[in-house]
Amino acid sequence: MLISVVGADGAGKSTLTRLLARRLTELGRPIERIDRWDIVDNPAYPATRFMRPDVPDTRLCVAEMPTESRFLFLMWSISMAVLGKRNPSGSATLLDGYWMKHAASEIVYGLDRPWVEAITAGLPSSDVVLYLRVDPEAAWERKRDGDVVPYECGMDPNCGEHTFLSHQRKIRAELDSWAERDGWIVVDPHRPVPEVLDDLVRRAESALDEHSVSAG
């Protein structure tokens, strides 16, 4: 079973998926959290051993790629993280971000939406998508103290507030359209972290229960 926690930059995906995986495991519902960069310098992914272990530098290199190449590389890394493990755990899988934000970003950067959607359609489908629908202004406040990169700001090298907000509004519009079309569960990320986490735990447990019943 695949549970994806998605959202634009600054939504809190990484922090919340780490906390969610820990909480679910403590509740007796073991779940494996996967991030696309898990494939770097990780013996569990032998086919990606050629990648350098410097993830921050890799991210900068990826941002410099031509748009089509960058998108295909990102989708490859995501698919490898989900499918390329030597010994899959067999438990449910929690995906930090999955393909959604990057696909939306590359559409904003000019890629043809039907082509992007055709590529992502080849990836394993999420059983449930929990969408952290963050306001760009709130995201900026979370990231403004040095955690912003040009890729998140329309490639503005100065990572200014205006370019971040403008770019993130466009990404959120793309995510909103998929959320409405595909029935994603919208979660408010503007509350205190413990409240957001409790909400995610409740929704994840409900999805796990439904999956267990249908599988049985």
N, C-alpha and C. Protein backbone atom coordinates (compact mmCIF):
# COMPACT_ATOMS: atom_id res chain seq x y z
N MET A 1 0.84 -1.19 0.00
CA MET A 1 0.00 0.00 0.00
C MET A 1 0.88 1.24 0.00
N LEU A 2 0.52 2.23 -0.81
CA LEU A 2 1.28 3.47 -0.91
C LEU A 2 0.45 4.64 -0.37
N ILE A 3 1.01 5.32 0.61
CA ILE A 3 0.41 6.55 1.14
C ILE A 3 1.38 7.68 0.82
N SER A 4 0.92 8.69 0.09
CA SER A 4 1.77 9.80 -0.30
C SER A 4 1.36 11.06 0.45
N VAL A 5 2.35 11.74 1.01
CA VAL A 5 2.14 13.04 1.62
C VAL A 5 2.76 14.07 0.68
N VAL A 6 1.94 14.94 0.11
CA VAL A 6 2.40 15.83 -0.94
C VAL A 6 2.09 17.28 -0.58
N GLY A 7 2.69 18.18 -1.34
CA GLY A 7 2.47 19.61 -1.12
C GLY A 7 3.56 20.40 -1.80
N ALA A 8 3.38 21.69 -1.87
CA ALA A 8 4.38 22.57 -2.47
C ALA A 8 5.55 22.73 -1.52
N ASP A 9 6.57 23.49 -1.95
CA ASP A 9 7.74 23.73 -1.11
C ASP A 9 7.31 24.45 0.17
N GLY A 10 7.86 23.99 1.30
CA GLY A 10 7.54 24.61 2.57
C GLY A 10 6.28 24.10 3.23
N ALA A 11 5.69 23.04 2.68
CA ALA A 11 4.46 22.49 3.27
C ALA A 11 4.74 21.67 4.52
N GLY A 12 5.99 21.22 4.70
CA GLY A 12 6.34 20.41 5.87
C GLY A 12 6.35 18.92 5.60
N LYS A 13 6.47 18.54 4.33
CA LYS A 13 6.37 17.12 3.95
C LYS A 13 7.42 16.26 4.66
N SER A 14 8.67 16.66 4.60
CA SER A 14 9.74 15.83 5.16
C SER A 14 9.60 15.68 6.67
N THR A 15 9.39 16.78 7.35
CA THR A 15 9.24 16.73 8.80
C THR A 15 8.06 15.86 9.20
N LEU A 16 6.92 16.08 8.54
CA LEU A 16 5.71 15.38 8.93
C LEU A 16 5.74 13.90 8.56
N THR A 17 6.36 13.56 7.43
CA THR A 17 6.42 12.13 7.09
C THR A 17 7.33 11.38 8.06
N ARG A 18 8.41 12.01 8.51
CA ARG A 18 9.26 11.36 9.51
C ARG A 18 8.48 11.12 10.80
N LEU A 19 7.76 12.13 11.25
CA LEU A 19 6.97 12.00 12.48
C LEU A 19 5.84 11.00 12.30
N LEU A 20 5.23 11.01 11.12
CA LEU A 20 4.11 10.10 10.86
C LEU A 20 4.57 8.65 10.85
N ALA A 21 5.69 8.38 10.21
CA ALA A 21 6.22 7.02 10.17
C ALA A 21 6.53 6.52 11.58
N ARG A 22 7.12 7.40 12.39
CA ARG A 22 7.46 7.01 13.75
C ARG A 22 6.20 6.74 14.57
N ARG A 23 5.20 7.61 14.44
CA ARG A 23 3.98 7.44 15.23
C ARG A 23 3.23 6.17 14.83
N LEU A 24 3.10 5.93 13.53
CA LEU A 24 2.39 4.73 13.08
C LEU A 24 3.10 3.47 13.55
N THR A 25 4.42 3.46 13.50
CA THR A 25 5.17 2.29 13.97
C THR A 25 4.95 2.08 15.46
N GLU A 26 4.94 3.16 16.23
CA GLU A 26 4.68 3.06 17.67
C GLU A 26 3.29 2.53 17.96
N LEU A 27 2.35 2.79 17.05
CA LEU A 27 0.98 2.32 17.21
C LEU A 27 0.79 0.89 16.69
N GLY A 28 1.89 0.25 16.32
CA GLY A 28 1.81 -1.11 15.84
C GLY A 28 1.45 -1.23 14.38
N ARG A 29 1.65 -0.16 13.64
CA ARG A 29 1.38 -0.15 12.20
C ARG A 29 2.67 0.19 11.47
N PRO A 30 3.61 -0.74 11.40
CA PRO A 30 4.90 -0.44 10.77
C PRO A 30 4.74 0.00 9.33
N ILE A 31 5.44 1.06 9.00
CA ILE A 31 5.36 1.62 7.65
C ILE A 31 6.75 2.11 7.27
N GLU A 32 7.13 1.91 6.03
CA GLU A 32 8.45 2.32 5.55
C GLU A 32 8.35 3.67 4.87
N ARG A 33 9.11 4.63 5.38
CA ARG A 33 9.14 5.96 4.77
C ARG A 33 10.20 5.99 3.68
N ILE A 34 9.85 6.49 2.50
CA ILE A 34 10.77 6.56 1.38
C ILE A 34 10.82 7.98 0.83
N ASP A 35 12.04 8.45 0.63
CA ASP A 35 12.31 9.75 -0.01
C ASP A 35 13.13 9.48 -1.25
N ARG A 36 12.99 10.32 -2.27
CA ARG A 36 13.68 10.07 -3.53
C ARG A 36 15.19 10.03 -3.38
N TRP A 37 15.75 10.74 -2.38
CA TRP A 37 17.20 10.77 -2.22
C TRP A 37 17.71 9.59 -1.41
N ASP A 38 16.85 8.70 -0.99
CA ASP A 38 17.30 7.49 -0.30
C ASP A 38 18.19 6.63 -1.19
N ILE A 39 18.11 6.84 -2.50
CA ILE A 39 18.87 6.00 -3.42
C ILE A 39 20.36 6.34 -3.46
N VAL A 40 20.74 7.45 -2.84
CA VAL A 40 22.14 7.91 -2.90
C VAL A 40 22.96 7.27 -1.80
N ASP A 41 24.08 6.63 -2.19
CA ASP A 41 25.01 6.04 -1.23
C ASP A 41 24.30 5.08 -0.27
N ASN A 42 23.44 4.25 -0.84
CA ASN A 42 22.62 3.35 -0.03
C ASN A 42 22.74 1.94 -0.61
N PRO A 43 23.34 0.99 0.12
CA PRO A 43 23.53 -0.36 -0.42
C PRO A 43 22.23 -1.08 -0.72
N ALA A 44 21.14 -0.58 -0.17
CA ALA A 44 19.84 -1.20 -0.48
C ALA A 44 19.43 -0.95 -1.93
N TYR A 45 20.09 0.04 -2.58
CA TYR A 45 19.81 0.36 -3.98
C TYR A 45 21.10 0.18 -4.80
N PRO A 46 21.49 -1.05 -5.06
CA PRO A 46 22.78 -1.27 -5.74
C PRO A 46 22.86 -0.66 -7.13
N ALA A 47 21.74 -0.52 -7.82
CA ALA A 47 21.78 0.00 -9.20
C ALA A 47 22.07 1.49 -9.25
N THR A 48 22.04 2.16 -8.10
CA THR A 48 22.32 3.61 -8.10
C THR A 48 23.65 3.92 -7.42
N ARG A 49 24.53 2.93 -7.31
CA ARG A 49 25.80 3.13 -6.62
C ARG A 49 26.72 4.11 -7.34
N PHE A 50 26.42 4.44 -8.59
CA PHE A 50 27.24 5.41 -9.33
C PHE A 50 27.01 6.84 -8.87
N MET A 51 25.95 7.10 -8.11
CA MET A 51 25.63 8.45 -7.69
C MET A 51 26.51 8.88 -6.53
N ARG A 52 26.94 10.14 -6.55
CA ARG A 52 27.79 10.66 -5.49
C ARG A 52 26.97 10.88 -4.22
N PRO A 53 27.61 10.73 -3.06
CA PRO A 53 26.86 10.86 -1.81
C PRO A 53 26.57 12.30 -1.40
N ASP A 54 27.02 13.28 -2.17
CA ASP A 54 26.79 14.68 -1.81
C ASP A 54 25.43 15.12 -2.34
N VAL A 55 24.38 14.88 -1.56
CA VAL A 55 23.02 15.17 -2.02
C VAL A 55 22.79 16.65 -2.27
N PRO A 56 23.23 17.57 -1.40
CA PRO A 56 23.01 18.99 -1.71
C PRO A 56 23.60 19.41 -3.06
N ASP A 57 24.80 18.93 -3.37
CA ASP A 57 25.41 19.28 -4.65
C ASP A 57 24.64 18.64 -5.80
N THR A 58 24.19 17.40 -5.59
CA THR A 58 23.39 16.73 -6.61
C THR A 58 22.13 17.54 -6.91
N ARG A 59 21.49 18.04 -5.88
CA ARG A 59 20.27 18.83 -6.08
C ARG A 59 20.57 20.09 -6.89
N LEU A 60 21.70 20.73 -6.64
CA LEU A 60 22.07 21.91 -7.41
C LEU A 60 22.33 21.55 -8.86
N CYS A 61 23.00 20.42 -9.09
CA CYS A 61 23.26 19.98 -10.46
C CYS A 61 21.96 19.69 -11.20
N VAL A 62 21.02 19.05 -10.51
CA VAL A 62 19.74 18.72 -11.13
C VAL A 62 19.01 19.99 -11.55
N ALA A 63 19.07 21.01 -10.70
CA ALA A 63 18.39 22.27 -11.01
C ALA A 63 18.97 22.92 -12.27
N GLU A 64 20.24 22.65 -12.59
CA GLU A 64 20.88 23.24 -13.75
C GLU A 64 20.59 22.48 -15.04
N MET A 65 19.96 21.32 -14.94
CA MET A 65 19.67 20.52 -16.14
C MET A 65 18.63 21.21 -17.02
N PRO A 66 18.61 20.90 -18.32
CA PRO A 66 17.48 21.34 -19.16
C PRO A 66 16.18 20.77 -18.59
N THR A 67 15.11 21.49 -18.80
CA THR A 67 13.85 21.15 -18.14
C THR A 67 13.43 19.71 -18.38
N GLU A 68 13.45 19.27 -19.64
CA GLU A 68 13.03 17.90 -19.95
C GLU A 68 13.92 16.87 -19.25
N SER A 69 15.21 17.10 -19.30
CA SER A 69 16.15 16.18 -18.66
C SER A 69 15.96 16.16 -17.16
N ARG A 70 15.75 17.33 -16.57
CA ARG A 70 15.55 17.41 -15.12
C ARG A 70 14.31 16.63 -14.69
N PHE A 71 13.24 16.82 -15.42
CA PHE A 71 12.01 16.13 -15.08
C PHE A 71 12.18 14.61 -15.18
N LEU A 72 12.81 14.16 -16.26
CA LEU A 72 13.01 12.72 -16.43
C LEU A 72 13.95 12.16 -15.36
N PHE A 73 14.98 12.92 -15.00
CA PHE A 73 15.87 12.46 -13.93
C PHE A 73 15.11 12.35 -12.61
N LEU A 74 14.31 13.35 -12.30
CA LEU A 74 13.56 13.32 -11.04
C LEU A 74 12.58 12.16 -11.00
N MET A 75 11.89 11.91 -12.12
CA MET A 75 10.95 10.79 -12.14
C MET A 75 11.69 9.45 -12.04
N TRP A 76 12.89 9.39 -12.67
CA TRP A 76 13.70 8.18 -12.53
C TRP A 76 14.11 7.95 -11.09
N SER A 77 14.59 8.99 -10.41
CA SER A 77 15.04 8.83 -9.03
C SER A 77 13.87 8.44 -8.12
N ILE A 78 12.70 9.00 -8.38
CA ILE A 78 11.53 8.66 -7.58
C ILE A 78 11.12 7.21 -7.82
N SER A 79 11.11 6.79 -9.08
CA SER A 79 10.72 5.41 -9.37
C SER A 79 11.73 4.43 -8.80
N MET A 80 13.03 4.77 -8.84
CA MET A 80 14.04 3.90 -8.25
C MET A 80 13.84 3.78 -6.74
N ALA A 81 13.51 4.89 -6.09
CA ALA A 81 13.30 4.84 -4.64
C ALA A 81 12.14 3.92 -4.27
N VAL A 82 11.10 3.93 -5.10
CA VAL A 82 9.92 3.12 -4.80
C VAL A 82 10.11 1.66 -5.23
N LEU A 83 10.74 1.46 -6.39
CA LEU A 83 10.78 0.13 -7.00
C LEU A 83 12.14 -0.56 -6.95
N GLY A 84 13.21 0.18 -6.70
CA GLY A 84 14.54 -0.36 -6.91
C GLY A 84 15.24 -0.95 -5.71
N LYS A 85 14.55 -1.11 -4.60
CA LYS A 85 15.20 -1.65 -3.41
C LYS A 85 15.49 -3.12 -3.57
N ARG A 86 16.65 -3.54 -3.09
CA ARG A 86 17.06 -4.94 -3.26
C ARG A 86 16.12 -5.87 -2.48
N ASN A 87 15.80 -5.53 -1.25
CA ASN A 87 14.95 -6.36 -0.41
C ASN A 87 13.81 -5.51 0.16
N PRO A 88 12.73 -5.34 -0.60
CA PRO A 88 11.61 -4.55 -0.10
C PRO A 88 11.08 -5.10 1.21
N SER A 89 10.64 -4.20 2.08
CA SER A 89 10.21 -4.61 3.42
C SER A 89 8.89 -5.37 3.41
N GLY A 90 8.04 -5.09 2.43
CA GLY A 90 6.74 -5.74 2.40
C GLY A 90 5.68 -5.03 3.22
N SER A 91 6.09 -4.03 4.02
CA SER A 91 5.11 -3.27 4.79
C SER A 91 4.54 -2.15 3.93
N ALA A 92 3.59 -1.43 4.50
CA ALA A 92 3.05 -0.27 3.79
C ALA A 92 4.17 0.75 3.59
N THR A 93 3.99 1.58 2.58
CA THR A 93 5.03 2.55 2.22
C THR A 93 4.47 3.97 2.33
N LEU A 94 5.23 4.83 3.00
CA LEU A 94 4.89 6.25 3.13
C LEU A 94 5.86 7.04 2.27
N LEU A 95 5.34 7.77 1.29
CA LEU A 95 6.18 8.49 0.34
C LEU A 95 6.23 9.98 0.69
N ASP A 96 7.44 10.46 0.87
CA ASP A 96 7.66 11.87 1.16
C ASP A 96 7.65 12.64 -0.16
N GLY A 97 6.48 13.19 -0.50
CA GLY A 97 6.35 14.03 -1.68
C GLY A 97 5.97 13.31 -2.95
N TYR A 98 6.51 12.12 -3.15
CA TYR A 98 6.33 11.33 -4.36
C TYR A 98 6.63 12.20 -5.58
N TRP A 99 5.82 12.10 -6.66
CA TRP A 99 6.17 12.80 -7.90
C TRP A 99 5.47 14.15 -8.05
N MET A 100 4.49 14.43 -7.20
CA MET A 100 3.52 15.48 -7.50
C MET A 100 4.11 16.89 -7.56
N LYS A 101 4.89 17.26 -6.55
CA LYS A 101 5.41 18.63 -6.54
C LYS A 101 6.38 18.87 -7.68
N HIS A 102 7.24 17.88 -7.96
CA HIS A 102 8.20 18.06 -9.04
C HIS A 102 7.49 18.10 -10.40
N ALA A 103 6.49 17.28 -10.57
CA ALA A 103 5.75 17.33 -11.84
C ALA A 103 5.07 18.68 -12.01
N ALA A 104 4.45 19.18 -10.94
CA ALA A 104 3.82 20.50 -11.02
C ALA A 104 4.86 21.58 -11.32
N SER A 105 6.02 21.48 -10.67
CA SER A 105 7.08 22.48 -10.90
C SER A 105 7.51 22.51 -12.36
N GLU A 106 7.68 21.33 -12.93
CA GLU A 106 8.18 21.29 -14.31
C GLU A 106 7.13 21.75 -15.32
N ILE A 107 5.85 21.55 -15.00
CA ILE A 107 4.80 22.12 -15.84
C ILE A 107 4.88 23.66 -15.78
N VAL A 108 5.08 24.18 -14.58
CA VAL A 108 5.23 25.63 -14.43
C VAL A 108 6.46 26.12 -15.19
N TYR A 109 7.50 25.30 -15.26
CA TYR A 109 8.71 25.67 -15.99
C TYR A 109 8.57 25.47 -17.49
N GLY A 110 7.39 25.02 -17.94
CA GLY A 110 7.13 25.03 -19.37
C GLY A 110 6.90 23.69 -20.04
N LEU A 111 6.97 22.59 -19.30
CA LEU A 111 6.73 21.29 -19.94
C LEU A 111 5.26 21.11 -20.28
N ASP A 112 5.02 20.32 -21.30
CA ASP A 112 3.66 20.02 -21.74
C ASP A 112 2.96 19.16 -20.69
N ARG A 113 1.82 19.64 -20.20
CA ARG A 113 1.14 18.92 -19.12
C ARG A 113 0.74 17.50 -19.52
N PRO A 114 0.14 17.27 -20.70
CA PRO A 114 -0.20 15.89 -21.06
C PRO A 114 1.01 14.96 -21.10
N TRP A 115 2.16 15.47 -21.55
CA TRP A 115 3.37 14.65 -21.56
C TRP A 115 3.82 14.31 -20.15
N VAL A 116 3.81 15.31 -19.26
CA VAL A 116 4.16 15.07 -17.86
C VAL A 116 3.23 14.04 -17.24
N GLU A 117 1.94 14.18 -17.48
CA GLU A 117 0.97 13.26 -16.89
C GLU A 117 1.12 11.85 -17.48
N ALA A 118 1.53 11.76 -18.74
CA ALA A 118 1.75 10.44 -19.34
C ALA A 118 2.93 9.74 -18.68
N ILE A 119 3.98 10.49 -18.34
CA ILE A 119 5.13 9.91 -17.66
C ILE A 119 4.75 9.48 -16.25
N THR A 120 4.09 10.33 -15.51
CA THR A 120 3.75 9.99 -14.12
C THR A 120 2.73 8.86 -14.04
N ALA A 121 1.95 8.69 -15.09
CA ALA A 121 0.97 7.59 -15.09
C ALA A 121 1.66 6.23 -15.07
N GLY A 122 2.93 6.19 -15.47
CA GLY A 122 3.66 4.93 -15.45
C GLY A 122 4.23 4.56 -14.09
N LEU A 123 4.15 5.47 -13.12
CA LEU A 123 4.62 5.19 -11.76
C LEU A 123 3.54 4.48 -10.96
N PRO A 124 3.91 3.73 -9.92
CA PRO A 124 2.90 3.08 -9.09
C PRO A 124 1.90 4.09 -8.54
N SER A 125 0.64 3.72 -8.52
CA SER A 125 -0.41 4.63 -8.06
C SER A 125 -0.45 4.66 -6.54
N SER A 126 -0.69 5.85 -6.00
CA SER A 126 -0.90 5.99 -4.56
C SER A 126 -2.29 5.49 -4.19
N ASP A 127 -2.38 4.77 -3.10
CA ASP A 127 -3.69 4.36 -2.61
C ASP A 127 -4.41 5.51 -1.94
N VAL A 128 -3.64 6.40 -1.33
CA VAL A 128 -4.22 7.61 -0.75
C VAL A 128 -3.18 8.71 -0.84
N VAL A 129 -3.65 9.93 -1.14
CA VAL A 129 -2.77 11.10 -1.20
C VAL A 129 -3.26 12.11 -0.17
N LEU A 130 -2.36 12.45 0.75
CA LEU A 130 -2.64 13.46 1.77
C LEU A 130 -1.95 14.74 1.34
N TYR A 131 -2.75 15.75 1.02
CA TYR A 131 -2.25 16.98 0.40
C TYR A 131 -2.16 18.09 1.43
N LEU A 132 -0.93 18.49 1.76
CA LEU A 132 -0.67 19.61 2.66
C LEU A 132 -0.76 20.89 1.84
N ARG A 133 -1.92 21.51 1.85
CA ARG A 133 -2.16 22.66 0.98
C ARG A 133 -1.71 23.94 1.69
N VAL A 134 -0.45 24.27 1.50
CA VAL A 134 0.16 25.38 2.21
C VAL A 134 -0.02 26.68 1.42
N ASP A 135 -0.26 27.77 2.14
CA ASP A 135 -0.25 29.09 1.52
C ASP A 135 1.19 29.49 1.22
N PRO A 136 1.46 30.03 0.03
CA PRO A 136 2.84 30.42 -0.29
C PRO A 136 3.45 31.39 0.73
N GLU A 137 2.63 32.28 1.28
CA GLU A 137 3.15 33.23 2.28
C GLU A 137 3.64 32.50 3.53
N ALA A 138 2.88 31.48 3.96
CA ALA A 138 3.29 30.71 5.13
C ALA A 138 4.54 29.89 4.82
N ALA A 139 4.61 29.37 3.61
CA ALA A 139 5.79 28.61 3.21
C ALA A 139 7.03 29.50 3.21
N TRP A 140 6.89 30.72 2.73
CA TRP A 140 8.02 31.65 2.72
C TRP A 140 8.52 31.93 4.13
N GLU A 141 7.62 32.13 5.07
CA GLU A 141 8.01 32.40 6.45
C GLU A 141 8.80 31.22 7.03
N ARG A 142 8.44 30.01 6.61
CA ARG A 142 9.15 28.83 7.12
C ARG A 142 10.53 28.68 6.50
N LYS A 143 10.69 29.14 5.25
CA LYS A 143 11.91 28.85 4.51
C LYS A 143 12.83 30.05 4.33
N ARG A 144 12.40 31.22 4.71
CA ARG A 144 13.12 32.44 4.34
C ARG A 144 14.51 32.54 4.98
N ASP A 145 14.75 31.84 6.06
CA ASP A 145 16.04 31.97 6.76
C ASP A 145 17.10 31.03 6.20
N GLY A 146 17.17 30.93 4.88
CA GLY A 146 18.27 30.21 4.26
C GLY A 146 17.93 28.88 3.65
N ASP A 147 16.70 28.44 3.77
CA ASP A 147 16.33 27.12 3.24
C ASP A 147 15.61 27.24 1.90
N VAL A 148 15.94 28.27 1.12
CA VAL A 148 15.30 28.48 -0.17
C VAL A 148 16.36 28.34 -1.26
N VAL A 149 16.01 27.64 -2.33
CA VAL A 149 16.94 27.47 -3.46
C VAL A 149 16.29 28.03 -4.71
N PRO A 150 17.09 28.39 -5.72
CA PRO A 150 16.52 28.99 -6.94
C PRO A 150 15.44 28.16 -7.60
N TYR A 151 15.55 26.83 -7.55
CA TYR A 151 14.54 25.97 -8.17
C TYR A 151 13.14 26.25 -7.62
N GLU A 152 13.08 26.70 -6.37
CA GLU A 152 11.79 26.97 -5.73
C GLU A 152 11.29 28.38 -6.01
N CYS A 153 12.10 29.18 -6.71
CA CYS A 153 11.81 30.60 -6.92
C CYS A 153 11.79 30.97 -8.39
N GLY A 154 11.40 30.06 -9.25
CA GLY A 154 11.41 30.36 -10.67
C GLY A 154 12.80 30.57 -11.21
N MET A 155 13.81 29.95 -10.58
CA MET A 155 15.23 30.05 -10.95
C MET A 155 15.82 31.43 -10.68
N ASP A 156 15.19 32.20 -9.82
CA ASP A 156 15.76 33.47 -9.40
C ASP A 156 16.99 33.18 -8.53
N PRO A 157 18.20 33.57 -8.96
CA PRO A 157 19.40 33.25 -8.18
C PRO A 157 19.43 33.93 -6.82
N ASN A 158 18.66 35.02 -6.67
CA ASN A 158 18.62 35.73 -5.40
C ASN A 158 17.58 35.18 -4.44
N CYS A 159 16.75 34.26 -4.93
CA CYS A 159 15.72 33.63 -4.08
C CYS A 159 14.90 34.67 -3.34
N GLY A 160 14.38 35.64 -4.09
CA GLY A 160 13.62 36.71 -3.48
C GLY A 160 12.20 36.29 -3.11
N GLU A 161 11.62 37.03 -2.19
CA GLU A 161 10.27 36.71 -1.71
C GLU A 161 9.25 36.77 -2.85
N HIS A 162 9.33 37.80 -3.69
CA HIS A 162 8.35 37.97 -4.76
C HIS A 162 8.40 36.79 -5.73
N THR A 163 9.59 36.40 -6.13
CA THR A 163 9.69 35.31 -7.10
C THR A 163 9.29 33.98 -6.47
N PHE A 164 9.60 33.80 -5.18
CA PHE A 164 9.17 32.57 -4.49
C PHE A 164 7.65 32.50 -4.46
N LEU A 165 7.01 33.59 -4.04
CA LEU A 165 5.55 33.58 -3.92
C LEU A 165 4.89 33.38 -5.27
N SER A 166 5.37 34.05 -6.29
CA SER A 166 4.79 33.93 -7.63
C SER A 166 4.91 32.50 -8.14
N HIS A 167 6.09 31.92 -7.99
CA HIS A 167 6.32 30.55 -8.48
C HIS A 167 5.49 29.54 -7.70
N GLN A 168 5.45 29.71 -6.40
CA GLN A 168 4.73 28.74 -5.57
C GLN A 168 3.21 28.81 -5.78
N ARG A 169 2.69 29.98 -6.09
CA ARG A 169 1.26 30.07 -6.40
C ARG A 169 0.92 29.25 -7.64
N LYS A 170 1.79 29.29 -8.62
CA LYS A 170 1.56 28.51 -9.84
C LYS A 170 1.64 27.01 -9.57
N ILE A 171 2.61 26.61 -8.75
CA ILE A 171 2.72 25.20 -8.39
C ILE A 171 1.47 24.75 -7.64
N ARG A 172 1.02 25.57 -6.70
CA ARG A 172 -0.17 25.18 -5.93
C ARG A 172 -1.39 25.05 -6.83
N ALA A 173 -1.50 25.90 -7.84
CA ALA A 173 -2.64 25.79 -8.77
C ALA A 173 -2.61 24.45 -9.50
N GLU A 174 -1.43 23.99 -9.90
CA GLU A 174 -1.33 22.68 -10.55
C GLU A 174 -1.71 21.56 -9.58
N LEU A 175 -1.20 21.64 -8.37
CA LEU A 175 -1.54 20.62 -7.37
C LEU A 175 -3.03 20.63 -7.05
N ASP A 176 -3.61 21.81 -6.97
CA ASP A 176 -5.05 21.91 -6.70
C ASP A 176 -5.87 21.21 -7.77
N SER A 177 -5.44 21.35 -9.00
CA SER A 177 -6.20 20.74 -10.10
C SER A 177 -6.17 19.23 -10.00
N TRP A 178 -5.02 18.66 -9.65
CA TRP A 178 -4.93 17.20 -9.48
C TRP A 178 -5.70 16.76 -8.24
N ALA A 179 -5.63 17.56 -7.19
CA ALA A 179 -6.34 17.21 -5.97
C ALA A 179 -7.84 17.10 -6.22
N GLU A 180 -8.37 18.05 -6.96
CA GLU A 180 -9.80 18.03 -7.27
C GLU A 180 -10.15 16.88 -8.19
N ARG A 181 -9.33 16.66 -9.20
CA ARG A 181 -9.61 15.60 -10.17
C ARG A 181 -9.50 14.21 -9.57
N ASP A 182 -8.48 14.00 -8.73
CA ASP A 182 -8.16 12.66 -8.26
C ASP A 182 -8.60 12.37 -6.84
N GLY A 183 -9.27 13.32 -6.20
CA GLY A 183 -9.81 13.07 -4.88
C GLY A 183 -8.78 13.00 -3.77
N TRP A 184 -7.74 13.83 -3.85
CA TRP A 184 -6.77 13.86 -2.77
C TRP A 184 -7.44 14.37 -1.49
N ILE A 185 -6.93 13.94 -0.35
CA ILE A 185 -7.41 14.41 0.94
C ILE A 185 -6.63 15.66 1.32
N VAL A 186 -7.31 16.78 1.43
CA VAL A 186 -6.66 18.05 1.74
C VAL A 186 -6.51 18.19 3.25
N VAL A 187 -5.28 18.46 3.68
CA VAL A 187 -4.97 18.63 5.10
C VAL A 187 -4.42 20.03 5.31
N ASP A 188 -4.92 20.72 6.33
CA ASP A 188 -4.47 22.08 6.63
C ASP A 188 -3.13 22.02 7.37
N PRO A 189 -2.03 22.51 6.76
CA PRO A 189 -0.73 22.44 7.42
C PRO A 189 -0.37 23.67 8.24
N HIS A 190 -1.31 24.61 8.39
CA HIS A 190 -1.00 25.86 9.07
C HIS A 190 -1.20 25.79 10.58
N ARG A 191 -1.68 24.67 11.07
CA ARG A 191 -1.87 24.45 12.50
C ARG A 191 -0.55 24.04 13.16
N PRO A 192 -0.51 24.03 14.49
CA PRO A 192 0.69 23.50 15.16
C PRO A 192 1.00 22.08 14.70
N VAL A 193 2.28 21.76 14.64
CA VAL A 193 2.69 20.45 14.12
C VAL A 193 2.00 19.28 14.81
N PRO A 194 1.85 19.28 16.13
CA PRO A 194 1.17 18.13 16.76
C PRO A 194 -0.27 17.94 16.25
N GLU A 195 -0.96 19.04 15.97
CA GLU A 195 -2.33 18.93 15.45
C GLU A 195 -2.33 18.36 14.03
N VAL A 196 -1.43 18.85 13.20
CA VAL A 196 -1.34 18.34 11.83
C VAL A 196 -0.97 16.86 11.85
N LEU A 197 -0.03 16.50 12.72
CA LEU A 197 0.39 15.10 12.81
C LEU A 197 -0.77 14.22 13.25
N ASP A 198 -1.53 14.64 14.25
CA ASP A 198 -2.68 13.85 14.69
C ASP A 198 -3.66 13.64 13.54
N ASP A 199 -3.87 14.67 12.74
CA ASP A 199 -4.77 14.57 11.60
C ASP A 199 -4.24 13.55 10.59
N LEU A 200 -2.95 13.63 10.30
CA LEU A 200 -2.36 12.69 9.35
C LEU A 200 -2.42 11.26 9.87
N VAL A 201 -2.16 11.07 11.15
CA VAL A 201 -2.22 9.74 11.74
C VAL A 201 -3.62 9.16 11.60
N ARG A 202 -4.62 9.97 11.92
CA ARG A 202 -6.00 9.49 11.82
C ARG A 202 -6.36 9.09 10.41
N ARG A 203 -5.96 9.91 9.45
CA ARG A 203 -6.30 9.61 8.06
C ARG A 203 -5.50 8.42 7.53
N ALA A 204 -4.24 8.32 7.93
CA ALA A 204 -3.43 7.18 7.50
C ALA A 204 -3.96 5.88 8.09
N GLU A 205 -4.33 5.90 9.36
CA GLU A 205 -4.86 4.69 9.98
C GLU A 205 -6.16 4.26 9.31
N SER A 206 -7.00 5.22 8.97
CA SER A 206 -8.24 4.90 8.28
C SER A 206 -7.96 4.25 6.93
N ALA A 207 -6.97 4.79 6.20
CA ALA A 207 -6.62 4.22 4.90
C ALA A 207 -6.05 2.82 5.05
N LEU A 208 -5.22 2.61 6.07
CA LEU A 208 -4.64 1.29 6.31
C LEU A 208 -5.72 0.28 6.66
N ASP A 209 -6.70 0.71 7.46
CA ASP A 209 -7.81 -0.19 7.82
C ASP A 209 -8.62 -0.56 6.60
N GLU A 210 -8.92 0.41 5.77
CA GLU A 210 -9.71 0.14 4.55
C GLU A 210 -8.95 -0.82 3.62
N HIS A 211 -7.65 -0.59 3.52
CA HIS A 211 -6.84 -1.45 2.66
C HIS A 211 -6.81 -2.88 3.21
N SER A 212 -6.71 -3.01 4.53
CA SER A 212 -6.68 -4.33 5.14
C SER A 212 -7.98 -5.08 4.89
N VAL A 213 -9.10 -4.37 5.00
CA VAL A 213 -10.40 -4.99 4.78
C VAL A 213 -10.55 -5.43 3.33
N SER A 214 -10.16 -4.56 2.40
CA SER A 214 -10.31 -4.90 0.98
C SER A 214 -9.38 -6.02 0.57
N ALA A 215 -8.17 -6.06 1.19
CA ALA A 215 -7.22 -7.12 0.87
C ALA A 215 -7.65 -8.45 1.46
N GLY A 216 -8.38 -8.37 2.59
CA GLY A 216 -8.82 -9.62 3.24
C GLY A 216 -10.03 -10.20 2.58
